[in-house]
Amino acid sequence: MALKIQFNAIYRKIKLILIKGMFKKIKDKGEGLSSSEYFCLECINLMDKPTISQFAAFLDISSPNATYKVKTLINKGYISKEKSEKDGREYLLVPTKKFYDTFESKEDETSINALKKDLSKGESKKFEKILNILTEKN
C-alpha cells in the first residue's frame, strides 16, 4: 500500500508542476493561446506527428472539432501539416519552430541535474531502471 501512496503522490506532484508550468508559459509567452489550445499543442507534440483522426480519437472529440482546433493552431503558427511518407493521402501534425522557440524550456534539464546531484551513482542507475520499467509497461 505504501508504494501506491508514494506513486500517487509523485503523480499528483508531476501533474501540478505541469499545470503550473502550462499556465506560466501561456501567461509569459502564449501570444493569445487559450489553455485549451495549449493543451492541444502539448498533445500533438507528445503524440509525435499524429494525423487529425488520431488526434481526435485520442481526445475523444469529433473530427470537425479537431479540424477546427488544428486550423486555429496552424493559423497561429504553432503547428503545420506534413504529408505522410507512408500514405500520401494523410497529413501529419507537426509542431513548428515557433512552438519550440516559444515553449521549449531548460527547466527540465535543470531539475534532472539537481536530481543527479542528490543521488549516488547506484541510486541513479536504480531510478533509471524503475523509470524504464514504468515507461515500457504503460
N, C-alpha and C. Protein backbone atom coordinates (compact mmCIF):
# COMPACT_ATOMS: atom_id res chain seq x y z
N MET A 1 0.82 -1.19 0.00
CA MET A 1 0.00 0.00 0.00
C MET A 1 0.86 1.26 0.00
N ALA A 2 2.02 1.20 0.67
CA ALA A 2 2.91 2.37 0.72
C ALA A 2 3.38 2.75 -0.69
N LEU A 3 3.63 1.75 -1.53
CA LEU A 3 4.06 2.01 -2.90
C LEU A 3 2.98 2.77 -3.67
N LYS A 4 1.74 2.37 -3.50
CA LYS A 4 0.63 3.05 -4.17
C LYS A 4 0.52 4.50 -3.70
N ILE A 5 0.65 4.72 -2.41
CA ILE A 5 0.57 6.08 -1.86
C ILE A 5 1.70 6.94 -2.41
N GLN A 6 2.91 6.41 -2.42
CA GLN A 6 4.05 7.16 -2.94
C GLN A 6 3.91 7.44 -4.43
N PHE A 7 3.47 6.44 -5.18
CA PHE A 7 3.28 6.62 -6.63
C PHE A 7 2.24 7.71 -6.89
N ASN A 8 1.12 7.66 -6.17
CA ASN A 8 0.08 8.68 -6.34
C ASN A 8 0.58 10.07 -5.96
N ALA A 9 1.42 10.14 -4.93
CA ALA A 9 1.98 11.43 -4.51
C ALA A 9 2.89 12.00 -5.59
N ILE A 10 3.72 11.16 -6.19
CA ILE A 10 4.60 11.61 -7.27
C ILE A 10 3.78 12.02 -8.48
N TYR A 11 2.80 11.21 -8.83
CA TYR A 11 1.94 11.50 -9.98
C TYR A 11 1.22 12.84 -9.79
N ARG A 12 0.69 13.06 -8.61
CA ARG A 12 -0.01 14.31 -8.30
C ARG A 12 0.94 15.49 -8.40
N LYS A 13 2.13 15.35 -7.86
CA LYS A 13 3.11 16.43 -7.90
C LYS A 13 3.50 16.75 -9.35
N ILE A 14 3.71 15.74 -10.16
CA ILE A 14 4.06 15.96 -11.57
C ILE A 14 2.93 16.68 -12.29
N LYS A 15 1.69 16.25 -12.05
CA LYS A 15 0.55 16.92 -12.69
C LYS A 15 0.46 18.38 -12.28
N LEU A 16 0.65 18.66 -11.02
CA LEU A 16 0.59 20.04 -10.56
C LEU A 16 1.72 20.89 -11.16
N ILE A 17 2.90 20.33 -11.26
CA ILE A 17 4.02 21.04 -11.88
C ILE A 17 3.72 21.33 -13.35
N LEU A 18 3.16 20.35 -14.04
CA LEU A 18 2.83 20.54 -15.46
C LEU A 18 1.75 21.60 -15.65
N ILE A 19 0.73 21.56 -14.83
CA ILE A 19 -0.35 22.55 -14.94
C ILE A 19 0.16 23.95 -14.63
N LYS A 20 0.94 24.06 -13.56
CA LYS A 20 1.51 25.36 -13.21
C LYS A 20 2.40 25.88 -14.34
N GLY A 21 3.23 25.00 -14.89
CA GLY A 21 4.10 25.38 -15.99
C GLY A 21 3.32 25.80 -17.23
N MET A 22 2.22 25.09 -17.49
CA MET A 22 1.39 25.42 -18.64
C MET A 22 0.84 26.83 -18.51
N PHE A 23 0.29 27.16 -17.38
CA PHE A 23 -0.29 28.49 -17.21
C PHE A 23 0.78 29.58 -17.20
N LYS A 24 1.95 29.27 -16.66
CA LYS A 24 3.04 30.25 -16.69
C LYS A 24 3.47 30.50 -18.14
N LYS A 25 3.59 29.45 -18.92
CA LYS A 25 4.00 29.61 -20.32
C LYS A 25 2.96 30.38 -21.12
N ILE A 26 1.70 30.09 -20.86
CA ILE A 26 0.63 30.81 -21.58
C ILE A 26 0.68 32.29 -21.21
N LYS A 27 0.85 32.57 -19.93
CA LYS A 27 0.87 33.96 -19.45
C LYS A 27 2.09 34.70 -19.99
N ASP A 28 3.26 34.05 -19.94
CA ASP A 28 4.51 34.71 -20.31
C ASP A 28 4.75 34.75 -21.81
N LYS A 29 4.38 33.67 -22.51
CA LYS A 29 4.78 33.55 -23.91
C LYS A 29 3.66 33.15 -24.85
N GLY A 30 2.48 32.93 -24.34
CA GLY A 30 1.43 32.29 -25.10
C GLY A 30 0.86 33.02 -26.28
N GLU A 31 1.12 34.29 -26.43
CA GLU A 31 0.67 35.05 -27.59
C GLU A 31 -0.78 34.75 -27.96
N GLY A 32 -1.68 34.91 -26.99
CA GLY A 32 -3.10 34.76 -27.29
C GLY A 32 -3.60 33.33 -27.32
N LEU A 33 -2.84 32.39 -26.80
CA LEU A 33 -3.32 31.00 -26.74
C LEU A 33 -4.22 30.81 -25.53
N SER A 34 -5.29 30.06 -25.74
CA SER A 34 -6.13 29.67 -24.61
C SER A 34 -5.50 28.43 -23.97
N SER A 35 -5.94 28.10 -22.78
CA SER A 35 -5.42 26.89 -22.13
C SER A 35 -5.80 25.65 -22.93
N SER A 36 -6.96 25.66 -23.55
CA SER A 36 -7.38 24.53 -24.39
C SER A 36 -6.45 24.37 -25.60
N GLU A 37 -6.09 25.49 -26.22
CA GLU A 37 -5.19 25.43 -27.37
C GLU A 37 -3.80 24.94 -26.95
N TYR A 38 -3.34 25.42 -25.80
CA TYR A 38 -2.04 24.96 -25.31
C TYR A 38 -2.07 23.46 -25.03
N PHE A 39 -3.15 23.00 -24.41
CA PHE A 39 -3.29 21.57 -24.12
C PHE A 39 -3.26 20.76 -25.43
N CYS A 40 -3.96 21.25 -26.45
CA CYS A 40 -3.96 20.58 -27.75
C CYS A 40 -2.56 20.54 -28.35
N LEU A 41 -1.83 21.64 -28.23
CA LEU A 41 -0.45 21.69 -28.71
C LEU A 41 0.40 20.65 -28.01
N GLU A 42 0.29 20.58 -26.70
CA GLU A 42 1.06 19.60 -25.94
C GLU A 42 0.71 18.17 -26.38
N CYS A 43 -0.57 17.90 -26.58
CA CYS A 43 -0.98 16.56 -27.03
C CYS A 43 -0.36 16.23 -28.38
N ILE A 44 -0.45 17.16 -29.31
CA ILE A 44 0.10 16.94 -30.64
C ILE A 44 1.60 16.70 -30.55
N ASN A 45 2.28 17.50 -29.75
CA ASN A 45 3.72 17.33 -29.58
C ASN A 45 4.05 15.97 -28.97
N LEU A 46 3.35 15.59 -27.92
CA LEU A 46 3.63 14.32 -27.24
C LEU A 46 3.20 13.10 -28.04
N MET A 47 2.21 13.27 -28.91
CA MET A 47 1.75 12.14 -29.74
C MET A 47 2.72 11.87 -30.89
N ASP A 48 3.65 12.78 -31.15
CA ASP A 48 4.69 12.60 -32.17
C ASP A 48 4.12 12.42 -33.58
N LYS A 49 3.67 13.52 -34.13
CA LYS A 49 3.17 13.61 -35.51
C LYS A 49 1.89 12.79 -35.76
N PRO A 50 0.84 13.06 -35.00
CA PRO A 50 -0.40 12.32 -35.25
C PRO A 50 -1.12 12.88 -36.48
N THR A 51 -2.04 12.11 -37.00
CA THR A 51 -2.96 12.64 -38.01
C THR A 51 -4.08 13.34 -37.25
N ILE A 52 -4.91 14.09 -37.97
CA ILE A 52 -6.06 14.73 -37.31
C ILE A 52 -6.98 13.67 -36.72
N SER A 53 -7.16 12.57 -37.44
CA SER A 53 -8.02 11.48 -36.93
C SER A 53 -7.48 10.88 -35.64
N GLN A 54 -6.18 10.66 -35.59
CA GLN A 54 -5.56 10.11 -34.38
C GLN A 54 -5.69 11.09 -33.22
N PHE A 55 -5.48 12.36 -33.51
CA PHE A 55 -5.61 13.42 -32.51
C PHE A 55 -7.04 13.46 -31.97
N ALA A 56 -8.03 13.42 -32.87
CA ALA A 56 -9.45 13.44 -32.47
C ALA A 56 -9.79 12.20 -31.63
N ALA A 57 -9.33 11.05 -32.07
CA ALA A 57 -9.62 9.80 -31.35
C ALA A 57 -9.00 9.83 -29.95
N PHE A 58 -7.77 10.33 -29.86
CA PHE A 58 -7.10 10.37 -28.57
C PHE A 58 -7.86 11.24 -27.58
N LEU A 59 -8.32 12.40 -28.04
CA LEU A 59 -9.05 13.32 -27.15
C LEU A 59 -10.54 13.00 -27.07
N ASP A 60 -10.96 12.02 -27.86
CA ASP A 60 -12.37 11.62 -27.90
C ASP A 60 -13.26 12.83 -28.26
N ILE A 61 -12.86 13.51 -29.33
CA ILE A 61 -13.64 14.64 -29.86
C ILE A 61 -13.97 14.35 -31.32
N SER A 62 -14.93 15.07 -31.85
CA SER A 62 -15.33 14.85 -33.24
C SER A 62 -14.24 15.32 -34.19
N SER A 63 -14.22 14.76 -35.39
CA SER A 63 -13.26 15.20 -36.41
C SER A 63 -13.42 16.68 -36.74
N PRO A 64 -14.67 17.19 -36.91
CA PRO A 64 -14.81 18.62 -37.19
C PRO A 64 -14.24 19.50 -36.06
N ASN A 65 -14.45 19.07 -34.82
CA ASN A 65 -13.91 19.82 -33.69
C ASN A 65 -12.38 19.80 -33.71
N ALA A 66 -11.80 18.63 -33.97
CA ALA A 66 -10.34 18.51 -34.05
C ALA A 66 -9.81 19.34 -35.20
N THR A 67 -10.49 19.31 -36.34
CA THR A 67 -10.07 20.09 -37.50
C THR A 67 -10.08 21.57 -37.19
N TYR A 68 -11.10 22.03 -36.50
CA TYR A 68 -11.19 23.44 -36.11
C TYR A 68 -10.01 23.82 -35.22
N LYS A 69 -9.71 22.99 -34.21
CA LYS A 69 -8.61 23.27 -33.30
C LYS A 69 -7.28 23.30 -34.05
N VAL A 70 -7.10 22.35 -34.96
CA VAL A 70 -5.86 22.28 -35.73
C VAL A 70 -5.71 23.51 -36.62
N LYS A 71 -6.78 23.91 -37.30
CA LYS A 71 -6.72 25.10 -38.16
C LYS A 71 -6.35 26.34 -37.36
N THR A 72 -6.91 26.47 -36.17
CA THR A 72 -6.58 27.62 -35.32
C THR A 72 -5.10 27.62 -34.97
N LEU A 73 -4.56 26.45 -34.62
CA LEU A 73 -3.14 26.36 -34.25
C LEU A 73 -2.22 26.57 -35.45
N ILE A 74 -2.67 26.14 -36.62
CA ILE A 74 -1.90 26.39 -37.85
C ILE A 74 -1.89 27.89 -38.14
N ASN A 75 -3.06 28.53 -38.04
CA ASN A 75 -3.16 29.98 -38.28
C ASN A 75 -2.30 30.79 -37.32
N LYS A 76 -2.13 30.29 -36.09
CA LYS A 76 -1.31 30.99 -35.10
C LYS A 76 0.18 30.64 -35.26
N GLY A 77 0.46 29.68 -36.15
CA GLY A 77 1.85 29.36 -36.47
C GLY A 77 2.52 28.34 -35.57
N TYR A 78 1.76 27.62 -34.74
CA TYR A 78 2.37 26.68 -33.80
C TYR A 78 2.50 25.26 -34.35
N ILE A 79 1.69 24.90 -35.32
CA ILE A 79 1.82 23.58 -35.95
C ILE A 79 1.67 23.74 -37.46
N SER A 80 2.11 22.70 -38.16
CA SER A 80 1.92 22.66 -39.60
C SER A 80 1.49 21.24 -39.97
N LYS A 81 1.04 21.11 -41.20
CA LYS A 81 0.68 19.77 -41.71
C LYS A 81 1.80 19.33 -42.65
N GLU A 82 2.17 18.07 -42.51
CA GLU A 82 3.24 17.49 -43.32
C GLU A 82 2.71 16.22 -43.97
N LYS A 83 2.88 16.09 -45.27
CA LYS A 83 2.38 14.91 -45.97
C LYS A 83 3.10 13.65 -45.48
N SER A 84 2.33 12.63 -45.19
CA SER A 84 2.88 11.37 -44.70
C SER A 84 3.66 10.66 -45.81
N GLU A 85 4.84 10.17 -45.46
CA GLU A 85 5.63 9.40 -46.43
C GLU A 85 5.04 8.01 -46.63
N LYS A 86 4.42 7.45 -45.59
CA LYS A 86 3.82 6.12 -45.68
C LYS A 86 2.55 6.12 -46.52
N ASP A 87 1.71 7.13 -46.30
CA ASP A 87 0.44 7.21 -47.00
C ASP A 87 0.25 8.67 -47.45
N GLY A 88 0.46 8.91 -48.72
CA GLY A 88 0.40 10.26 -49.27
C GLY A 88 -0.94 10.95 -49.11
N ARG A 89 -1.97 10.19 -48.74
CA ARG A 89 -3.30 10.79 -48.54
C ARG A 89 -3.44 11.41 -47.15
N GLU A 90 -2.54 11.06 -46.25
CA GLU A 90 -2.63 11.54 -44.88
C GLU A 90 -1.67 12.70 -44.63
N TYR A 91 -2.07 13.56 -43.71
CA TYR A 91 -1.21 14.65 -43.27
C TYR A 91 -0.94 14.49 -41.78
N LEU A 92 0.31 14.69 -41.42
CA LEU A 92 0.73 14.59 -40.02
C LEU A 92 0.80 15.99 -39.41
N LEU A 93 0.45 16.09 -38.16
CA LEU A 93 0.50 17.36 -37.44
C LEU A 93 1.87 17.49 -36.77
N VAL A 94 2.57 18.56 -37.10
CA VAL A 94 3.95 18.72 -36.65
C VAL A 94 4.13 20.08 -35.97
N PRO A 95 4.67 20.10 -34.76
CA PRO A 95 4.98 21.39 -34.13
C PRO A 95 6.01 22.15 -34.97
N THR A 96 5.85 23.46 -35.02
CA THR A 96 6.75 24.30 -35.82
C THR A 96 7.90 24.83 -34.96
N LYS A 97 8.80 25.51 -35.62
CA LYS A 97 9.91 26.17 -34.92
C LYS A 97 9.36 27.17 -33.90
N LYS A 98 8.27 27.85 -34.26
CA LYS A 98 7.65 28.81 -33.33
C LYS A 98 7.23 28.11 -32.04
N PHE A 99 6.65 26.91 -32.17
CA PHE A 99 6.27 26.15 -30.98
C PHE A 99 7.49 25.91 -30.10
N TYR A 100 8.57 25.37 -30.70
CA TYR A 100 9.76 25.04 -29.91
C TYR A 100 10.43 26.29 -29.35
N ASP A 101 10.50 27.35 -30.14
CA ASP A 101 11.09 28.60 -29.66
C ASP A 101 10.30 29.18 -28.50
N THR A 102 8.99 29.04 -28.54
CA THR A 102 8.13 29.62 -27.52
C THR A 102 8.06 28.78 -26.26
N PHE A 103 7.99 27.45 -26.40
CA PHE A 103 7.68 26.62 -25.25
C PHE A 103 8.78 25.68 -24.78
N GLU A 104 9.86 25.52 -25.52
CA GLU A 104 10.93 24.66 -25.04
C GLU A 104 11.55 25.31 -23.81
N SER A 105 11.92 24.51 -22.86
CA SER A 105 12.41 25.04 -21.60
C SER A 105 13.65 24.30 -21.14
N LYS A 106 14.51 25.00 -20.49
CA LYS A 106 15.71 24.40 -19.89
C LYS A 106 15.43 23.94 -18.46
N GLU A 107 14.20 24.21 -17.97
CA GLU A 107 13.86 23.85 -16.59
C GLU A 107 13.95 22.35 -16.35
N ASP A 108 13.55 21.53 -17.35
CA ASP A 108 13.60 20.09 -17.19
C ASP A 108 15.03 19.62 -16.97
N GLU A 109 15.94 20.16 -17.78
CA GLU A 109 17.35 19.78 -17.67
C GLU A 109 17.91 20.19 -16.30
N THR A 110 17.53 21.35 -15.82
CA THR A 110 17.97 21.83 -14.51
C THR A 110 17.48 20.90 -13.41
N SER A 111 16.21 20.48 -13.50
CA SER A 111 15.64 19.57 -12.50
C SER A 111 16.35 18.23 -12.50
N ILE A 112 16.65 17.72 -13.68
CA ILE A 112 17.34 16.42 -13.79
C ILE A 112 18.74 16.52 -13.21
N ASN A 113 19.44 17.60 -13.52
CA ASN A 113 20.79 17.77 -12.99
C ASN A 113 20.77 17.89 -11.46
N ALA A 114 19.77 18.56 -10.90
CA ALA A 114 19.64 18.66 -9.45
C ALA A 114 19.38 17.29 -8.84
N LEU A 115 18.54 16.50 -9.49
CA LEU A 115 18.25 15.15 -9.01
C LEU A 115 19.52 14.29 -9.04
N LYS A 116 20.28 14.39 -10.11
CA LYS A 116 21.53 13.62 -10.23
C LYS A 116 22.49 13.96 -9.09
N LYS A 117 22.53 15.22 -8.71
CA LYS A 117 23.42 15.63 -7.61
C LYS A 117 23.00 14.99 -6.30
N ASP A 118 21.70 14.80 -6.10
CA ASP A 118 21.19 14.26 -4.84
C ASP A 118 21.29 12.74 -4.74
N LEU A 119 21.47 12.07 -5.88
CA LEU A 119 21.52 10.61 -5.89
C LEU A 119 22.94 10.11 -6.10
N SER A 120 23.26 8.99 -5.45
CA SER A 120 24.54 8.34 -5.72
C SER A 120 24.46 7.70 -7.10
N LYS A 121 25.58 7.28 -7.62
CA LYS A 121 25.60 6.65 -8.95
C LYS A 121 24.72 5.40 -8.96
N GLY A 122 24.79 4.61 -7.88
CA GLY A 122 23.97 3.41 -7.78
C GLY A 122 22.48 3.73 -7.71
N GLU A 123 22.14 4.74 -6.93
CA GLU A 123 20.74 5.16 -6.82
C GLU A 123 20.23 5.68 -8.16
N SER A 124 21.08 6.42 -8.84
CA SER A 124 20.71 6.96 -10.15
C SER A 124 20.42 5.83 -11.14
N LYS A 125 21.24 4.80 -11.13
CA LYS A 125 21.03 3.65 -12.02
C LYS A 125 19.73 2.92 -11.67
N LYS A 126 19.46 2.73 -10.38
CA LYS A 126 18.22 2.07 -9.95
C LYS A 126 17.00 2.89 -10.36
N PHE A 127 17.09 4.21 -10.18
CA PHE A 127 15.98 5.10 -10.54
C PHE A 127 15.74 5.05 -12.05
N GLU A 128 16.81 5.04 -12.82
CA GLU A 128 16.68 4.94 -14.28
C GLU A 128 16.02 3.63 -14.66
N LYS A 129 16.38 2.54 -13.99
CA LYS A 129 15.77 1.24 -14.26
C LYS A 129 14.27 1.26 -13.95
N ILE A 130 13.90 1.87 -12.83
CA ILE A 130 12.48 1.99 -12.45
C ILE A 130 11.72 2.79 -13.51
N LEU A 131 12.29 3.91 -13.93
CA LEU A 131 11.65 4.73 -14.96
C LEU A 131 11.49 3.97 -16.27
N ASN A 132 12.49 3.17 -16.63
CA ASN A 132 12.39 2.35 -17.84
C ASN A 132 11.24 1.35 -17.72
N ILE A 133 11.10 0.73 -16.57
CA ILE A 133 10.01 -0.23 -16.35
C ILE A 133 8.67 0.48 -16.48
N LEU A 134 8.54 1.66 -15.85
CA LEU A 134 7.28 2.41 -15.91
C LEU A 134 6.92 2.84 -17.34
N THR A 135 7.89 3.29 -18.10
CA THR A 135 7.60 3.78 -19.44
C THR A 135 7.39 2.65 -20.45
N GLU A 136 8.01 1.51 -20.24
CA GLU A 136 7.85 0.40 -21.18
C GLU A 136 6.57 -0.38 -20.95
N LYS A 137 6.08 -0.43 -19.74
CA LYS A 137 4.87 -1.20 -19.44
C LYS A 137 3.60 -0.42 -19.64
N ASN A 138 3.66 0.91 -19.69
CA ASN A 138 2.45 1.72 -19.80
C ASN A 138 2.39 2.44 -21.08
